[in-house]
Amino acid sequence: MRSTLSGTDARGLAAAATGRLRAAGSPTPRLDAELLVAHAFGRDRTWLLAHPDAVLDETAATTLAGWLERRSVGEPVAYIRGFKEWLSQRIITDRRALIPRPETELLAEAAIDEIAARLVRDAEPISAWEVATGSGAVTLALALRFRTALALGRVRLAASDVSPEALELASENLSAAGVAGLVALGCGDLLDPPVLPSPLRPDVVVANLPYLTTREATSGEGSLRFEPPAALDGGTDGLAVIRRLLTQLPDRLGPGGTVLLEIGVGQADVVRELVADLPMAADVGTLRDLAGTERVVRIDRS
């Protein structure tokens, strides 16, 4: 592979890499190839397409060959490059946490809209808490959007995860963006123990919990073989962790609080039923993603 890649121009590298990844079964061989070739040049994909005659040196070509081998056996491009572009930010990614998905942008945008609306409406500080933060991508989006409000104490933002390794990654992403000092990070299982300063209860809870079934999570398909199983596996029906969070809400969610919860395909009706059985009054709605799927459940405590 070294001799094949060394001295080959960018156009030829992208074509050869695309062919190799297509033969290996990549669902997006051209995109994967162009991202990896561009990364070998230390550039982005736009630069690569504009410089078809650029040539890699021997060292970079050898590195690229290794990356293509890793992608050929299914390792996600985001783990190979070490980052993922998500909601206009570069999120550091590795096996400590899930790779941020495009559909989770809807969750982040819904949380931003909710906090912004409360800032206009409420005089008291707003407490927001992302549960199961993983890489910290959603919390980072909130911290950047409300940087001034956080600095002034108008918004208090916390993020937690049951995995210490995931929290380390979240901390690295917040630090890289210069907002680590604005977010309280804590290791804990869902809403217990609390991360927010006692006796505050969150006004806004944001969560992208595991919602794949155990069968789906252990299928070994695509990137799932490389991502942390505990962040994927939602039990027999995919709702085991979501159920546990919902049962905590009557005691943990503040009066008039809002929960924004990402869910899987076909889970909205069951979640509505679960909320209806809780010992608290709440209104439930959903937000649909670009494919028309009910992707985010919104729970408003009456």
Protein backbone atom coordinates (compact mmCIF):
# COMPACT_ATOMS: atom_id res chain seq x y z
CA MET A 1 0.00 0.00 0.00
CA ARG A 2 2.89 2.36 0.67
CA SER A 3 4.25 2.12 -2.86
CA THR A 4 0.76 2.56 -4.31
CA LEU A 5 0.03 5.77 -2.37
CA SER A 6 3.47 7.37 -2.28
CA GLY A 7 3.93 9.92 -5.05
CA THR A 8 0.31 9.70 -6.17
CA ASP A 9 -1.53 13.02 -6.59
CA ALA A 10 -4.61 13.88 -4.55
CA ARG A 11 -7.02 12.97 -7.34
CA GLY A 12 -5.45 9.56 -7.72
CA LEU A 13 -5.28 9.02 -3.96
CA ALA A 14 -8.97 9.78 -3.56
CA ALA A 15 -9.90 7.45 -6.43
CA ALA A 16 -7.73 4.60 -5.13
CA ALA A 17 -8.99 5.04 -1.58
CA THR A 18 -12.60 5.15 -2.76
CA GLY A 19 -12.16 1.89 -4.64
CA ARG A 20 -10.57 0.19 -1.67
CA LEU A 21 -13.28 1.32 0.77
CA ARG A 22 -16.07 0.41 -1.65
CA ALA A 23 -14.63 -3.10 -1.94
CA ALA A 24 -14.46 -3.27 1.87
CA GLY A 25 -18.17 -2.48 2.13
CA SER A 26 -18.12 1.14 3.34
CA PRO A 27 -21.60 2.66 2.91
CA THR A 28 -20.03 6.03 1.95
CA PRO A 29 -16.73 5.14 0.27
CA ARG A 30 -16.14 8.38 -1.62
CA LEU A 31 -16.89 10.64 1.33
CA ASP A 32 -14.77 8.52 3.67
CA ALA A 33 -11.89 8.46 1.21
CA GLU A 34 -11.90 12.20 0.61
CA LEU A 35 -12.07 12.97 4.33
CA LEU A 36 -9.13 10.69 5.09
CA VAL A 37 -7.01 11.83 2.16
CA ALA A 38 -7.66 15.47 3.05
CA HIS A 39 -6.73 14.74 6.65
CA ALA A 40 -3.46 13.18 5.50
CA PHE A 41 -2.65 16.52 3.86
CA GLY A 42 -3.64 18.32 7.06
CA ARG A 43 -6.49 19.99 5.20
CA ASP A 44 -10.24 19.74 4.86
CA ARG A 45 -12.25 18.17 2.07
CA THR A 46 -12.90 21.48 0.31
CA TRP A 47 -9.16 22.08 0.02
CA LEU A 48 -8.64 18.57 -1.35
CA LEU A 49 -11.18 19.06 -4.12
CA ALA A 50 -9.53 22.36 -5.06
CA HIS A 51 -6.00 20.86 -5.17
CA PRO A 52 -6.23 17.64 -7.20
CA ASP A 53 -2.52 17.73 -8.12
CA ALA A 54 -1.15 17.90 -4.56
CA VAL A 55 1.20 15.04 -3.62
CA LEU A 56 1.74 13.41 -0.22
CA ASP A 57 5.20 12.77 1.14
CA GLU A 58 6.25 9.24 2.06
CA THR A 59 5.48 9.59 5.76
CA ALA A 60 1.98 10.97 5.19
CA ALA A 61 1.27 8.31 2.57
CA THR A 62 2.22 5.56 5.01
CA THR A 63 -0.05 7.12 7.65
CA LEU A 64 -2.91 7.30 5.16
CA ALA A 65 -2.45 3.63 4.30
CA GLY A 66 -2.91 2.78 7.96
CA TRP A 67 -6.04 4.89 8.19
CA LEU A 68 -7.54 3.19 5.15
CA GLU A 69 -6.84 -0.20 6.70
CA ARG A 70 -8.65 0.85 9.87
CA ARG A 71 -11.62 2.18 7.90
CA SER A 72 -11.70 -1.00 5.82
CA VAL A 73 -12.49 -3.03 8.93
CA GLY A 74 -15.27 -0.62 9.94
CA GLU A 75 -13.65 1.86 12.32
CA PRO A 76 -15.50 5.20 12.07
CA VAL A 77 -13.79 8.07 10.27
CA ALA A 78 -14.44 10.27 13.31
CA TYR A 79 -12.32 7.99 15.50
CA ILE A 80 -9.57 7.75 12.89
CA ARG A 81 -9.33 11.52 12.45
CA GLY A 82 -9.98 12.16 16.15
CA PHE A 83 -12.76 14.69 15.61
CA LYS A 84 -16.22 15.20 14.15
CA GLU A 85 -17.68 18.37 12.67
CA TRP A 86 -20.99 18.85 14.46
CA LEU A 87 -23.22 21.91 14.72
CA SER A 88 -20.43 24.14 13.36
CA GLN A 89 -17.98 22.88 16.01
CA ARG A 90 -15.09 20.43 15.86
CA ILE A 91 -15.80 17.83 18.54
CA ILE A 92 -12.89 15.71 19.78
CA THR A 93 -13.89 12.05 19.36
CA ASP A 94 -12.47 8.73 20.48
CA ARG A 95 -13.69 5.46 21.94
CA ARG A 96 -14.50 7.02 25.32
CA ALA A 97 -17.87 8.24 24.03
CA LEU A 98 -20.33 8.04 21.18
CA ILE A 99 -19.70 10.01 18.02
CA PRO A 100 -22.15 12.96 17.86
CA ARG A 101 -24.91 12.22 15.34
CA PRO A 102 -26.61 14.72 13.01
CA GLU A 103 -30.01 13.94 14.59
CA THR A 104 -28.72 15.09 17.98
CA GLU A 105 -28.37 18.58 16.57
CA LEU A 106 -32.17 18.78 16.91
CA LEU A 107 -31.85 18.07 20.63
CA ALA A 108 -29.21 20.78 21.06
CA GLU A 109 -31.23 23.31 19.09
CA ALA A 110 -34.35 22.55 21.12
CA ALA A 111 -32.40 23.06 24.35
CA ILE A 112 -31.01 26.36 23.08
CA ASP A 113 -34.50 27.55 22.17
CA GLU A 114 -35.89 26.56 25.57
CA ILE A 115 -33.16 28.27 27.58
CA ALA A 116 -33.37 31.40 25.40
CA ALA A 117 -37.14 31.58 25.93
CA ARG A 118 -36.71 31.25 29.70
CA LEU A 119 -34.08 33.98 29.74
CA VAL A 120 -36.59 36.37 28.20
CA ARG A 121 -39.46 35.22 30.43
CA ASP A 122 -37.92 34.51 33.84
CA ALA A 123 -36.12 36.82 36.23
CA GLU A 124 -34.57 33.99 38.26
CA PRO A 125 -31.42 32.15 37.15
CA ILE A 126 -32.08 29.17 34.90
CA SER A 127 -30.58 25.80 35.82
CA ALA A 128 -29.92 23.41 32.94
CA TRP A 129 -28.47 19.92 33.20
CA GLU A 130 -27.38 17.58 30.44
CA VAL A 131 -27.52 13.98 31.59
CA ALA A 132 -25.26 11.38 29.89
CA THR A 133 -23.22 14.10 28.22
CA GLY A 134 -20.77 11.71 26.53
CA SER A 135 -18.37 13.76 24.42
CA GLY A 136 -19.98 16.93 25.79
CA ALA A 137 -21.15 18.06 22.35
CA VAL A 138 -24.61 19.26 23.44
CA THR A 139 -23.28 20.94 26.58
CA LEU A 140 -20.61 22.64 24.47
CA ALA A 141 -23.28 24.01 22.13
CA LEU A 142 -25.19 25.39 25.11
CA ALA A 143 -22.09 26.86 26.76
CA LEU A 144 -21.06 28.66 23.59
CA ARG A 145 -24.54 30.00 22.91
CA PHE A 146 -25.06 31.25 26.48
CA ARG A 147 -21.48 32.17 27.34
CA THR A 148 -22.40 35.65 28.56
CA ALA A 149 -25.45 34.49 30.52
CA LEU A 150 -23.34 31.82 32.21
CA ALA A 151 -20.64 34.32 33.12
CA LEU A 152 -23.28 36.64 34.61
CA GLY A 153 -24.98 33.85 36.56
CA ARG A 154 -28.23 34.09 34.59
CA VAL A 155 -27.79 30.48 33.48
CA ARG A 156 -26.26 27.63 35.47
CA LEU A 157 -25.17 24.71 33.32
CA ALA A 158 -24.21 21.24 34.50
CA ALA A 159 -23.33 18.03 32.70
CA SER A 160 -22.92 14.51 34.03
CA ASP A 161 -22.13 11.02 32.87
CA VAL A 162 -21.84 7.65 34.55
CA SER A 163 -18.54 7.09 32.71
CA PRO A 164 -15.45 8.89 34.09
CA GLU A 165 -13.74 8.39 30.74
CA ALA A 166 -16.57 10.12 28.88
CA LEU A 167 -16.42 13.01 31.35
CA GLU A 168 -12.71 13.38 30.63
CA LEU A 169 -13.51 13.70 26.94
CA ALA A 170 -16.30 16.21 27.64
CA SER A 171 -13.88 18.25 29.74
CA GLU A 172 -11.36 18.24 26.89
CA ASN A 173 -13.97 19.53 24.44
CA LEU A 174 -15.10 22.27 26.80
CA SER A 175 -11.51 23.27 27.51
CA ALA A 176 -10.62 23.37 23.83
CA ALA A 177 -13.46 25.86 23.30
CA GLY A 178 -12.51 27.95 26.33
CA VAL A 179 -15.75 27.36 28.28
CA ALA A 180 -14.72 24.70 30.82
CA GLY A 181 -15.00 27.18 33.69
CA LEU A 182 -18.65 27.86 32.86
CA VAL A 183 -19.91 24.28 33.27
CA ALA A 184 -20.19 22.07 36.36
CA LEU A 185 -19.14 18.52 35.45
CA GLY A 186 -19.89 15.53 37.66
CA CYS A 187 -19.81 11.76 37.52
CA GLY A 188 -23.19 10.26 38.36
CA ASP A 189 -25.98 7.97 37.20
CA LEU A 190 -28.71 10.05 35.57
CA LEU A 191 -30.13 12.65 38.02
CA ASP A 192 -28.74 10.99 41.15
CA PRO A 193 -26.53 12.16 42.75
CA PRO A 194 -27.26 15.75 41.76
CA VAL A 195 -24.60 17.79 40.03
CA LEU A 196 -26.33 21.14 40.38
CA PRO A 197 -25.70 23.00 43.63
CA SER A 198 -28.13 21.93 46.36
CA PRO A 199 -30.99 22.68 46.85
CA LEU A 200 -31.51 23.68 43.22
CA ARG A 201 -33.49 21.41 40.94
CA PRO A 202 -33.02 21.78 37.20
CA ASP A 203 -35.39 23.89 35.15
CA VAL A 204 -34.22 22.17 31.96
CA VAL A 205 -33.01 18.59 31.63
CA VAL A 206 -31.44 17.48 28.35
CA ALA A 207 -30.62 13.85 27.67
CA ASN A 208 -29.55 11.61 24.81
CA LEU A 209 -29.70 8.28 26.62
CA PRO A 210 -29.07 4.80 25.19
CA TYR A 211 -32.14 3.87 23.15
CA LEU A 212 -31.03 0.96 20.97
CA THR A 213 -32.24 -2.48 21.92
CA THR A 214 -29.61 -4.88 23.23
CA ARG A 215 -29.90 -6.81 19.99
CA GLU A 216 -29.24 -3.68 17.91
CA ALA A 217 -26.41 -2.49 20.15
CA THR A 218 -24.61 -5.82 19.95
CA SER A 219 -25.24 -6.44 16.26
CA GLY A 220 -21.71 -5.43 15.33
CA GLU A 221 -22.97 -3.35 12.42
CA GLY A 222 -21.12 -0.25 11.25
CA SER A 223 -19.56 1.94 13.91
CA LEU A 224 -21.40 0.13 16.71
CA ARG A 225 -18.54 -2.36 17.06
CA PHE A 226 -16.22 0.48 18.02
CA GLU A 227 -18.40 2.72 20.19
CA PRO A 228 -18.88 2.15 23.95
CA PRO A 229 -21.64 -0.47 24.44
CA ALA A 230 -22.96 1.11 27.64
CA ALA A 231 -23.76 4.30 25.72
CA LEU A 232 -25.81 2.35 23.17
CA ASP A 233 -27.63 -0.44 24.97
CA GLY A 234 -31.10 0.50 26.19
CA GLY A 235 -32.14 -2.99 27.18
CA THR A 236 -34.62 -5.40 25.62
CA ASP A 237 -36.88 -2.69 24.19
CA GLY A 238 -34.37 0.17 24.13
CA LEU A 239 -36.16 2.09 26.88
CA ALA A 240 -34.62 0.72 30.10
CA VAL A 241 -32.44 3.77 30.82
CA ILE A 242 -35.11 6.20 29.68
CA ARG A 243 -37.58 4.59 32.10
CA ARG A 244 -35.15 5.08 34.98
CA LEU A 245 -34.72 8.76 34.15
CA LEU A 246 -38.46 9.31 33.91
CA THR A 247 -39.06 7.78 37.35
CA GLN A 248 -36.61 10.33 38.82
CA LEU A 249 -38.40 13.35 37.40
CA PRO A 250 -41.15 13.79 40.03
CA ASP A 251 -38.50 14.24 42.74
CA ARG A 252 -35.70 15.86 40.74
CA LEU A 253 -37.25 18.17 38.09
CA GLY A 254 -37.97 21.70 39.22
CA PRO A 255 -41.48 23.20 39.24
CA GLY A 256 -42.43 24.13 35.68
CA GLY A 257 -39.38 22.28 34.45
CA THR A 258 -38.84 20.98 30.92
CA VAL A 259 -37.20 17.74 29.80
CA LEU A 260 -35.86 17.30 26.28
CA LEU A 261 -35.13 13.68 25.49
CA GLU A 262 -33.79 12.16 22.28
CA ILE A 263 -35.46 8.86 21.39
CA GLY A 264 -35.31 6.14 18.77
CA VAL A 265 -37.65 5.42 15.89
CA GLY A 266 -41.10 4.32 17.06
CA GLN A 267 -40.54 5.01 20.75
CA ALA A 268 -42.59 8.21 21.12
CA ASP A 269 -45.93 6.57 21.96
CA VAL A 270 -44.40 4.37 24.66
CA VAL A 271 -42.63 7.35 26.22
CA ARG A 272 -45.92 9.26 26.27
CA GLU A 273 -47.51 6.36 28.16
CA LEU A 274 -44.62 6.22 30.62
CA VAL A 275 -44.93 9.94 31.37
CA ALA A 276 -48.69 9.63 31.81
CA ASP A 277 -48.09 7.03 34.53
CA LEU A 278 -45.75 9.28 36.54
CA PRO A 279 -47.01 10.85 39.79
CA MET A 280 -46.74 14.35 38.35
CA ALA A 281 -48.77 16.41 35.91
CA ALA A 282 -47.00 16.99 32.61
CA ASP A 283 -47.65 17.86 28.99
CA VAL A 284 -45.82 15.80 26.35
CA GLY A 285 -44.97 16.79 22.81
CA THR A 286 -42.46 15.74 20.19
CA LEU A 287 -40.14 17.33 17.64
CA ARG A 288 -39.53 15.66 14.30
CA ASP A 289 -36.19 15.40 12.54
CA LEU A 290 -35.60 16.07 8.83
CA ALA A 291 -36.77 12.55 8.00
CA GLY A 292 -40.09 13.19 9.74
CA THR A 293 -39.27 10.89 12.68
CA GLU A 294 -40.39 11.88 16.17
CA ARG A 295 -36.85 12.32 17.48
CA VAL A 296 -37.11 14.53 20.55
CA VAL A 297 -39.70 14.22 23.32
CA ARG A 298 -40.53 17.40 25.21
CA ILE A 299 -41.97 16.98 28.71
CA ASP A 300 -43.28 20.10 30.44
CA ARG A 301 -44.10 19.78 34.12
CA SER A 302 -47.36 21.54 34.84
